[in-house]
Protein backbone atom coordinates (compact mmCIF):
# COMPACT_ATOMS: atom_id res chain seq x y z
CA UNK A 1 -16.76 -27.94 3.80
CA UNK A 2 -17.96 -27.07 0.26
CA UNK A 3 -15.93 -29.18 -2.25
CA UNK A 4 -15.50 -29.41 -5.92
CA UNK A 5 -15.80 -32.44 -8.32
CA UNK A 6 -11.92 -33.39 -7.56
CA UNK A 7 -12.84 -33.12 -3.90
CA UNK A 8 -10.81 -29.63 -3.75
CA UNK A 9 -12.08 -26.87 -1.20
CA UNK A 10 -14.16 -24.39 -3.26
CA UNK A 11 -11.87 -21.16 -3.71
CA UNK A 12 -14.74 -18.77 -3.10
CA UNK A 13 -16.03 -20.60 -0.36
CA UNK A 14 -15.82 -18.71 3.02
CA UNK A 15 -14.81 -21.12 6.35
CA UNK A 16 -16.91 -20.45 9.40
CA UNK A 17 -13.35 -19.23 11.06
CA UNK A 18 -13.91 -21.15 14.39
CA UNK A 19 -11.74 -23.15 16.66
CA UNK A 20 -12.28 -27.03 16.36
CA UNK A 21 -12.85 -27.07 20.07
CA UNK A 22 -14.47 -24.22 21.51
CA UNK A 23 -16.44 -23.03 18.58
CA UNK A 24 -15.41 -19.38 19.21
CA UNK A 25 -13.93 -17.12 16.49
CA UNK A 26 -9.88 -17.65 15.89
CA UNK A 27 -8.37 -14.09 16.83
CA UNK A 28 -5.63 -12.86 14.10
CA UNK A 29 -2.95 -10.71 14.96
CA UNK A 30 -3.13 -7.87 12.55
CA UNK A 31 0.55 -7.40 11.02
CA UNK A 32 1.66 -3.90 9.53
CA UNK A 33 1.43 -6.02 6.06
CA UNK A 34 -2.12 -6.49 6.60
CA UNK A 35 -2.58 -3.07 7.20
CA UNK A 36 -0.61 -2.20 4.05
CA UNK A 37 -3.28 -4.47 2.13
CA UNK A 38 -6.17 -2.91 4.09
CA UNK A 39 -5.08 0.57 2.89
CA UNK A 40 -4.21 -0.54 -0.61
CA UNK A 41 -7.92 -2.02 -0.84
CA UNK A 42 -9.37 1.23 0.84
CA UNK A 43 -8.04 3.30 -2.42
CA UNK A 44 -8.84 0.63 -4.82
CA UNK A 45 -12.25 -0.96 -3.99
CA UNK A 46 -11.45 -4.16 -6.03
CA UNK A 47 -8.09 -5.48 -6.95
CA UNK A 48 -6.16 -9.11 -8.08
CA UNK A 49 -4.39 -10.57 -5.41
CA UNK A 50 -1.11 -10.49 -7.57
CA UNK A 51 -1.68 -6.29 -8.03
CA UNK A 52 -1.93 -6.36 -3.98
CA UNK A 53 1.25 -8.10 -4.16
CA UNK A 54 2.99 -5.69 -6.39
CA UNK A 55 1.79 -2.69 -4.48
CA UNK A 56 2.96 -3.32 -1.24
CA UNK A 57 6.19 -1.68 0.35
CA UNK A 58 9.19 -3.60 -0.58
CA UNK A 59 10.05 -3.57 3.30
CA UNK A 60 7.15 -5.14 4.54
CA UNK A 61 5.95 -7.54 1.53
CA UNK A 62 8.19 -10.63 2.02
CA UNK A 63 9.55 -12.75 -0.27
CA UNK A 64 7.28 -15.85 -0.22
CA UNK A 65 4.26 -15.24 -2.42
CA UNK A 66 2.55 -18.52 -1.31
CA UNK A 67 2.47 -17.66 2.28
CA UNK A 68 0.99 -14.26 1.33
CA UNK A 69 -1.76 -16.32 -0.44
CA UNK A 70 -2.34 -17.79 2.43
CA UNK A 71 -2.55 -15.13 4.71
CA UNK A 72 -4.98 -13.35 2.28
CA UNK A 73 -7.15 -16.59 2.85
CA UNK A 74 -7.25 -16.31 6.66
CA UNK A 75 -8.12 -12.50 6.38
CA UNK A 76 -10.91 -13.48 4.04
CA UNK A 77 -12.22 -16.40 6.49
CA UNK A 78 -11.92 -13.92 9.19
CA UNK A 79 -14.18 -11.16 7.14
CA UNK A 80 -11.30 -8.90 6.97
CA UNK A 81 -11.07 -9.18 3.50
CA UNK A 82 -13.96 -10.29 0.89
CA UNK A 83 -14.02 -12.34 -2.40
CA UNK A 84 -16.42 -10.82 -4.67
CA UNK A 85 -18.82 -13.25 -5.67
CA UNK A 86 -19.24 -11.25 -9.37
CA UNK A 87 -15.77 -12.63 -10.21
CA UNK A 88 -17.16 -15.87 -10.74
CA UNK A 89 -19.05 -15.13 -14.06
CA UNK A 90 -15.66 -14.53 -15.67
CA UNK A 91 -14.81 -17.62 -17.82
CA UNK A 92 -11.58 -17.94 -16.47
CA UNK A 93 -12.39 -17.26 -13.22
CA UNK A 94 -11.03 -20.92 -11.67
CA UNK A 95 -7.82 -19.91 -13.25
CA UNK A 96 -7.51 -16.28 -12.84
CA UNK A 97 -5.72 -14.46 -9.58
CA UNK A 98 -8.69 -14.05 -6.82
CA UNK A 99 -10.05 -10.77 -6.42
CA UNK A 100 -10.21 -8.98 -3.23
CA UNK A 101 -12.09 -6.01 -1.45
CA UNK A 102 -12.19 -5.05 2.13
CA UNK A 103 -14.80 -7.26 4.55
CA UNK A 104 -16.73 -5.93 7.40
CA UNK A 105 -13.67 -6.30 9.54
CA UNK A 106 -11.38 -5.19 7.23
CA UNK A 107 -13.47 -1.80 7.19
CA UNK A 108 -13.88 -1.44 10.71
CA UNK A 109 -9.96 -1.82 11.12
CA UNK A 110 -9.46 0.90 8.65
CA UNK A 111 -11.96 3.07 10.65
CA UNK A 112 -10.35 2.33 14.12
CA UNK A 113 -6.73 3.17 12.39
CA UNK A 114 -7.85 6.52 10.56
CA UNK A 115 -7.39 4.76 7.27
CA UNK A 116 -10.03 6.57 4.56
CA UNK A 117 -11.86 4.47 2.59
CA UNK A 118 -12.63 5.93 -0.71
CA UNK A 119 -16.28 6.22 -1.77
CA UNK A 120 -17.39 4.96 -5.00
CA UNK A 121 -17.28 7.49 -7.75
CA UNK A 122 -20.27 6.00 -9.45
CA UNK A 123 -24.01 5.11 -8.33
CA UNK A 124 -24.05 2.31 -10.69
CA UNK A 125 -22.54 -1.19 -9.15
CA UNK A 126 -20.88 -2.86 -12.34
CA UNK A 127 -18.30 -5.11 -11.17
CA UNK A 128 -16.06 -5.59 -14.37
CA UNK A 129 -16.00 -1.90 -15.14
CA UNK A 130 -15.09 -0.95 -11.29
CA UNK A 131 -12.43 -3.43 -11.46
CA UNK A 132 -10.98 -2.39 -14.85
CA UNK A 133 -10.97 1.26 -13.59
CA UNK A 134 -9.04 0.10 -10.34
CA UNK A 135 -6.70 -2.05 -12.11
CA UNK A 136 -5.95 1.02 -14.72
CA UNK A 137 -5.02 3.39 -11.67
CA UNK A 138 -3.12 0.28 -9.76
CA UNK A 139 -0.79 0.08 -13.10
CA UNK A 140 -0.12 3.75 -13.05
CA UNK A 141 1.03 4.00 -9.30
CA UNK A 142 3.08 0.67 -9.91
CA UNK A 143 4.76 2.49 -12.65
CA UNK A 144 5.57 5.27 -10.79
CA UNK A 145 6.62 3.70 -7.92
CA UNK A 146 9.03 1.38 -9.90
CA UNK A 147 10.51 3.64 -12.60
CA UNK A 148 13.04 6.36 -11.32
CA UNK A 149 12.48 9.89 -12.04
CA UNK A 150 8.60 9.27 -11.96
CA UNK A 151 6.30 10.38 -8.86
CA UNK A 152 2.34 9.75 -8.84
CA UNK A 153 0.66 12.93 -7.31
CA UNK A 154 -2.42 11.62 -5.46
CA UNK A 155 -5.85 13.68 -5.05
CA UNK A 156 -4.66 14.37 -1.84
CA UNK A 157 -1.66 15.91 -2.93
CA UNK A 158 -3.85 17.89 -5.40
CA UNK A 159 -5.67 19.20 -2.66
CA UNK A 160 -2.63 20.17 -0.46
CA UNK A 161 -1.16 21.90 -3.55
CA UNK A 162 -0.92 26.09 -3.29
CA UNK A 163 -2.16 26.23 -6.88
CA UNK A 164 -5.40 24.56 -6.14
CA UNK A 165 -8.38 26.85 -6.29
CA UNK A 166 -9.35 27.42 -2.68
CA UNK A 167 -13.21 27.49 -3.60
CA UNK A 168 -12.14 23.62 -4.72
CA UNK A 169 -10.60 22.56 -1.24
CA UNK A 170 -13.71 24.23 0.64
CA UNK A 171 -16.06 22.57 -1.97
CA UNK A 172 -18.53 19.52 -0.56
CA UNK A 173 -18.22 18.09 -3.82
CA UNK A 174 -15.01 19.03 -5.25
CA UNK A 175 -14.85 16.11 -8.02
CA UNK A 176 -18.09 17.56 -9.63
CA UNK A 177 -17.10 18.95 -12.84
CA UNK A 178 -19.58 21.92 -13.69
CA UNK A 179 -22.05 20.54 -15.85
CA UNK A 180 -21.37 20.61 -19.55
CA UNK A 181 -24.27 22.52 -21.89
CA UNK A 182 -24.09 19.99 -24.64
CA UNK A 183 -27.16 17.28 -25.27
CA UNK A 184 -27.19 14.33 -27.91
CA UNK A 185 -30.61 12.60 -28.27
CA UNK A 186 -31.85 14.04 -24.98
CA UNK A 187 -28.48 12.77 -23.30
CA UNK A 188 -26.31 15.14 -21.22
CA UNK A 189 -22.91 14.95 -21.97
CA UNK A 190 -21.06 14.11 -18.82
CA UNK A 191 -17.65 14.85 -17.51
CA UNK A 192 -17.73 12.17 -15.08
CA UNK A 193 -14.62 10.37 -14.64
CA UNK A 194 -13.83 6.59 -13.53
CA UNK A 195 -10.88 7.69 -11.20
CA UNK A 196 -9.93 10.79 -9.12
CA UNK A 197 -7.85 13.28 -10.68
CA UNK A 198 -4.12 12.97 -10.41
CA UNK A 199 -0.93 13.98 -11.87
CA UNK A 200 2.43 12.55 -13.14
CA UNK A 201 5.79 14.47 -12.14
CA UNK A 202 8.82 13.64 -13.85
CA UNK A 203 12.42 14.69 -12.12
CA UNK A 204 15.46 15.86 -14.14
CA UNK A 205 19.08 15.20 -12.90
CA UNK A 206 19.22 18.86 -11.62
CA UNK A 207 16.28 18.38 -9.42
CA UNK A 208 14.09 20.44 -11.59
CA UNK A 209 10.41 18.85 -12.37
CA UNK A 210 7.37 19.17 -14.78
CA UNK A 211 4.25 17.21 -14.24
CA UNK A 212 1.28 16.29 -16.46
CA UNK A 213 -1.82 15.90 -14.97
CA UNK A 214 -5.21 14.29 -15.72
CA UNK A 215 -8.99 15.06 -14.86
CA UNK A 216 -9.26 11.12 -14.51
CA UNK A 217 -9.44 7.75 -16.64
CA UNK A 218 -11.85 6.60 -18.62
CA UNK A 219 -12.59 2.65 -18.44
CA UNK A 220 -14.62 1.24 -21.22
CA UNK A 221 -16.04 -2.06 -20.89
CA UNK A 222 -17.45 -2.31 -24.75
CA UNK A 223 -21.12 -2.29 -23.26
CA UNK A 224 -22.03 1.21 -24.48
CA UNK A 225 -22.75 2.48 -27.99
CA UNK A 226 -20.46 4.27 -29.95
CA UNK A 227 -23.05 6.98 -30.94
CA UNK A 228 -26.01 8.19 -29.40
CA UNK A 229 -29.27 6.32 -30.13
CA UNK A 230 -32.66 7.41 -31.51
CA UNK A 231 -34.58 4.85 -29.18
CA UNK A 232 -32.88 5.55 -25.98
CA UNK A 233 -31.04 7.98 -24.06
CA UNK A 234 -28.33 5.28 -22.95
CA UNK A 235 -24.71 6.57 -22.07
CA UNK A 236 -22.45 6.68 -25.14
CA UNK A 237 -18.99 7.06 -26.21
CA UNK A 238 -19.62 10.34 -28.24
CA UNK A 239 -20.91 11.89 -25.48
CA UNK A 240 -18.04 11.37 -23.50
CA UNK A 241 -15.66 11.95 -26.31
CA UNK A 242 -17.45 15.58 -26.82
CA UNK A 243 -16.92 15.97 -23.05
CA UNK A 244 -13.19 15.75 -23.42
CA UNK A 245 -13.35 18.21 -26.07
CA UNK A 246 -15.19 20.66 -23.92
CA UNK A 247 -13.31 20.49 -20.95
CA UNK A 248 -10.11 21.33 -23.42
CA UNK A 249 -11.62 24.25 -25.16
CA UNK A 250 -12.97 25.98 -22.04
CA UNK A 251 -9.87 24.84 -20.01
CA UNK A 252 -12.35 23.46 -17.14
CA UNK A 253 -9.32 21.60 -15.92
CA UNK A 254 -7.62 24.75 -15.30
CA UNK A 255 -10.40 26.92 -13.83
CA UNK A 256 -11.79 24.02 -11.70
CA UNK A 257 -8.86 22.26 -10.69
CA UNK A 258 -6.03 24.50 -11.05
CA UNK A 259 -4.22 22.17 -13.31
CA UNK A 260 -1.56 23.64 -16.12
CA UNK A 261 -2.53 20.99 -18.43
CA UNK A 262 -4.82 17.91 -19.10
CA UNK A 263 -4.74 14.12 -20.31
CA UNK A 264 -7.69 12.03 -20.88
CA UNK A 265 -6.89 8.67 -20.72
CA UNK A 266 -9.27 6.52 -22.60
CA UNK A 267 -8.95 2.38 -21.76
CA UNK A 268 -11.21 0.18 -23.45
CA UNK A 269 -10.71 -3.80 -23.97
CA UNK A 270 -9.50 -4.60 -27.33
CA UNK A 271 -7.47 -3.28 -30.28
CA UNK A 272 -10.45 -3.27 -32.75
CA UNK A 273 -12.73 -1.38 -29.94
CA UNK A 274 -10.15 1.11 -29.55
CA UNK A 275 -9.66 1.50 -33.23
CA UNK A 276 -13.17 2.10 -33.90
CA UNK A 277 -13.52 4.81 -30.85
CA UNK A 278 -10.23 6.64 -32.47
CA UNK A 279 -12.17 6.69 -35.69
CA UNK A 280 -15.37 8.13 -34.05
CA UNK A 281 -13.15 10.71 -32.48
CA UNK A 282 -11.42 11.25 -36.00
CA UNK A 283 -14.94 12.23 -37.41
CA UNK A 284 -15.96 14.40 -34.33
CA UNK A 285 -12.99 16.62 -34.77
CA UNK A 286 -12.39 16.61 -38.78
CA UNK A 287 -9.31 14.39 -38.77
CA UNK A 288 -7.84 16.70 -36.34
CA UNK A 289 -8.25 14.84 -33.06
CA UNK A 290 -6.61 16.07 -29.93
CA UNK A 291 -3.19 15.57 -28.51
CA UNK A 292 -4.49 15.48 -24.70
CA UNK A 293 -6.59 12.17 -25.38
CA UNK A 294 -4.62 8.92 -25.33
CA UNK A 295 -6.10 5.62 -26.02
CA UNK A 296 -4.86 1.83 -25.16
CA UNK A 297 -6.68 -1.27 -24.50
CA UNK A 298 -6.81 -3.77 -21.65
CA UNK A 299 -8.48 -6.99 -21.68
CA UNK A 300 -11.31 -7.03 -18.82
CA UNK A 301 -12.45 -9.80 -16.57
CA UNK A 302 -15.14 -11.33 -18.80
CA UNK A 303 -12.42 -11.83 -21.64
CA UNK A 304 -10.97 -15.58 -22.40
CA UNK A 305 -7.81 -14.12 -22.79
CA UNK A 306 -5.16 -14.61 -19.92
CA UNK A 307 -5.58 -12.41 -16.82
CA UNK A 308 -3.57 -9.34 -17.00
CA UNK A 309 -0.30 -9.20 -15.08
CA UNK A 310 0.63 -6.25 -13.11
CA UNK A 311 3.62 -4.43 -14.25
CA UNK A 312 5.15 -1.10 -15.00
CA UNK A 313 4.85 -1.51 -18.94
CA UNK A 314 1.16 -0.87 -19.25
CA UNK A 315 1.51 2.91 -18.21
CA UNK A 316 5.16 3.22 -19.78
CA UNK A 317 3.72 2.09 -23.24
CA UNK A 318 3.22 4.14 -26.47
CA UNK A 319 -0.69 5.45 -25.98
CA UNK A 320 -2.34 6.15 -29.35
CA UNK A 321 -3.44 9.28 -30.38
CA UNK A 322 -5.70 10.63 -33.21
CA UNK A 323 -4.14 13.32 -35.54
CA UNK A 324 -0.79 13.30 -33.79
CA UNK A 325 2.06 11.03 -32.98
CA UNK A 326 2.06 8.43 -30.21
CA UNK A 327 2.30 9.61 -26.62
CA UNK A 328 5.08 8.27 -24.31
CA UNK A 329 5.06 9.65 -20.64
CA UNK A 330 8.91 8.95 -20.38
CA UNK A 331 9.69 11.08 -23.66
CA UNK A 332 7.20 13.58 -23.08
CA UNK A 333 8.10 14.23 -19.54
CA UNK A 334 11.77 14.43 -20.96
CA UNK A 335 11.09 16.62 -23.58
CA UNK A 336 9.25 18.67 -21.19
CA UNK A 337 12.22 18.98 -18.78
CA UNK A 338 15.09 19.81 -21.84
CA UNK A 339 12.67 22.54 -22.74
CA UNK A 340 12.39 24.07 -19.35
CA UNK A 341 16.25 23.84 -19.00
CA UNK A 342 17.03 25.52 -22.29
């Protein structure tokens, strides 16, 4: 068994999972909570263990977090779960909550139970970026689950909604937004997002409801230039912001997805980075900004700051906007419901 300098078992080391006497693999009896964990990681490729715990249904979560940690370790050693090696590169890797993904056995269990494993949205495998996108969407799900009057409208819900264009449901690539006819220094302006489209539905006292829709979130790990370069055709922030503006101006969210409205969530890694991007957006729009583009920041895994904790407050915060007052989802839904009732 591998040990560290203090003779503690290394937290990323996987045990062989075999019995001492027979050398055969120990058999785990898969529980309802285990299956719930598999479902969560089938939706979110990577998540810290405390986020997984928070997302578990209350009726099967249990009350002992330590025992849950031990069970996750057992599932890891039996190949139901993996602890991605990339998390070791974080400066606070030894102190932050462990990050998990489905292992080979976990994927097999999902297939056997008919649980859909969401495919990757990007061909590029960038662990900090993918983790950040998963955490942002987990924050949204947590807020909707724990806030009275809020409901998350999933991509599956959208596909089943009668307002969704039939051509979208029949498409082999429904997430592929039509190509944007704009180029910057030889780089195409992309409409790709870091999550699937979703909606947030708010309910009033009388049962009336209103929903804000989103074509997806953007997770920025501060590794892309703000503007296009004359030297290389790298992806850049200006191209993404111009994509946001095009989708709004041409109402692509309506023609492609059938959405009545659209919110774009741009999440980056620091307040300074967020302010720089907002200034760029202000420059692009002549100071007018846009009421549908929302900004916030969340430290990523490579930050020396304390690892972000799962809570409902992240999504319920005031999101910054350029040229418009901050956006608060609860306040905006309440205002829309009041307007509808008038």
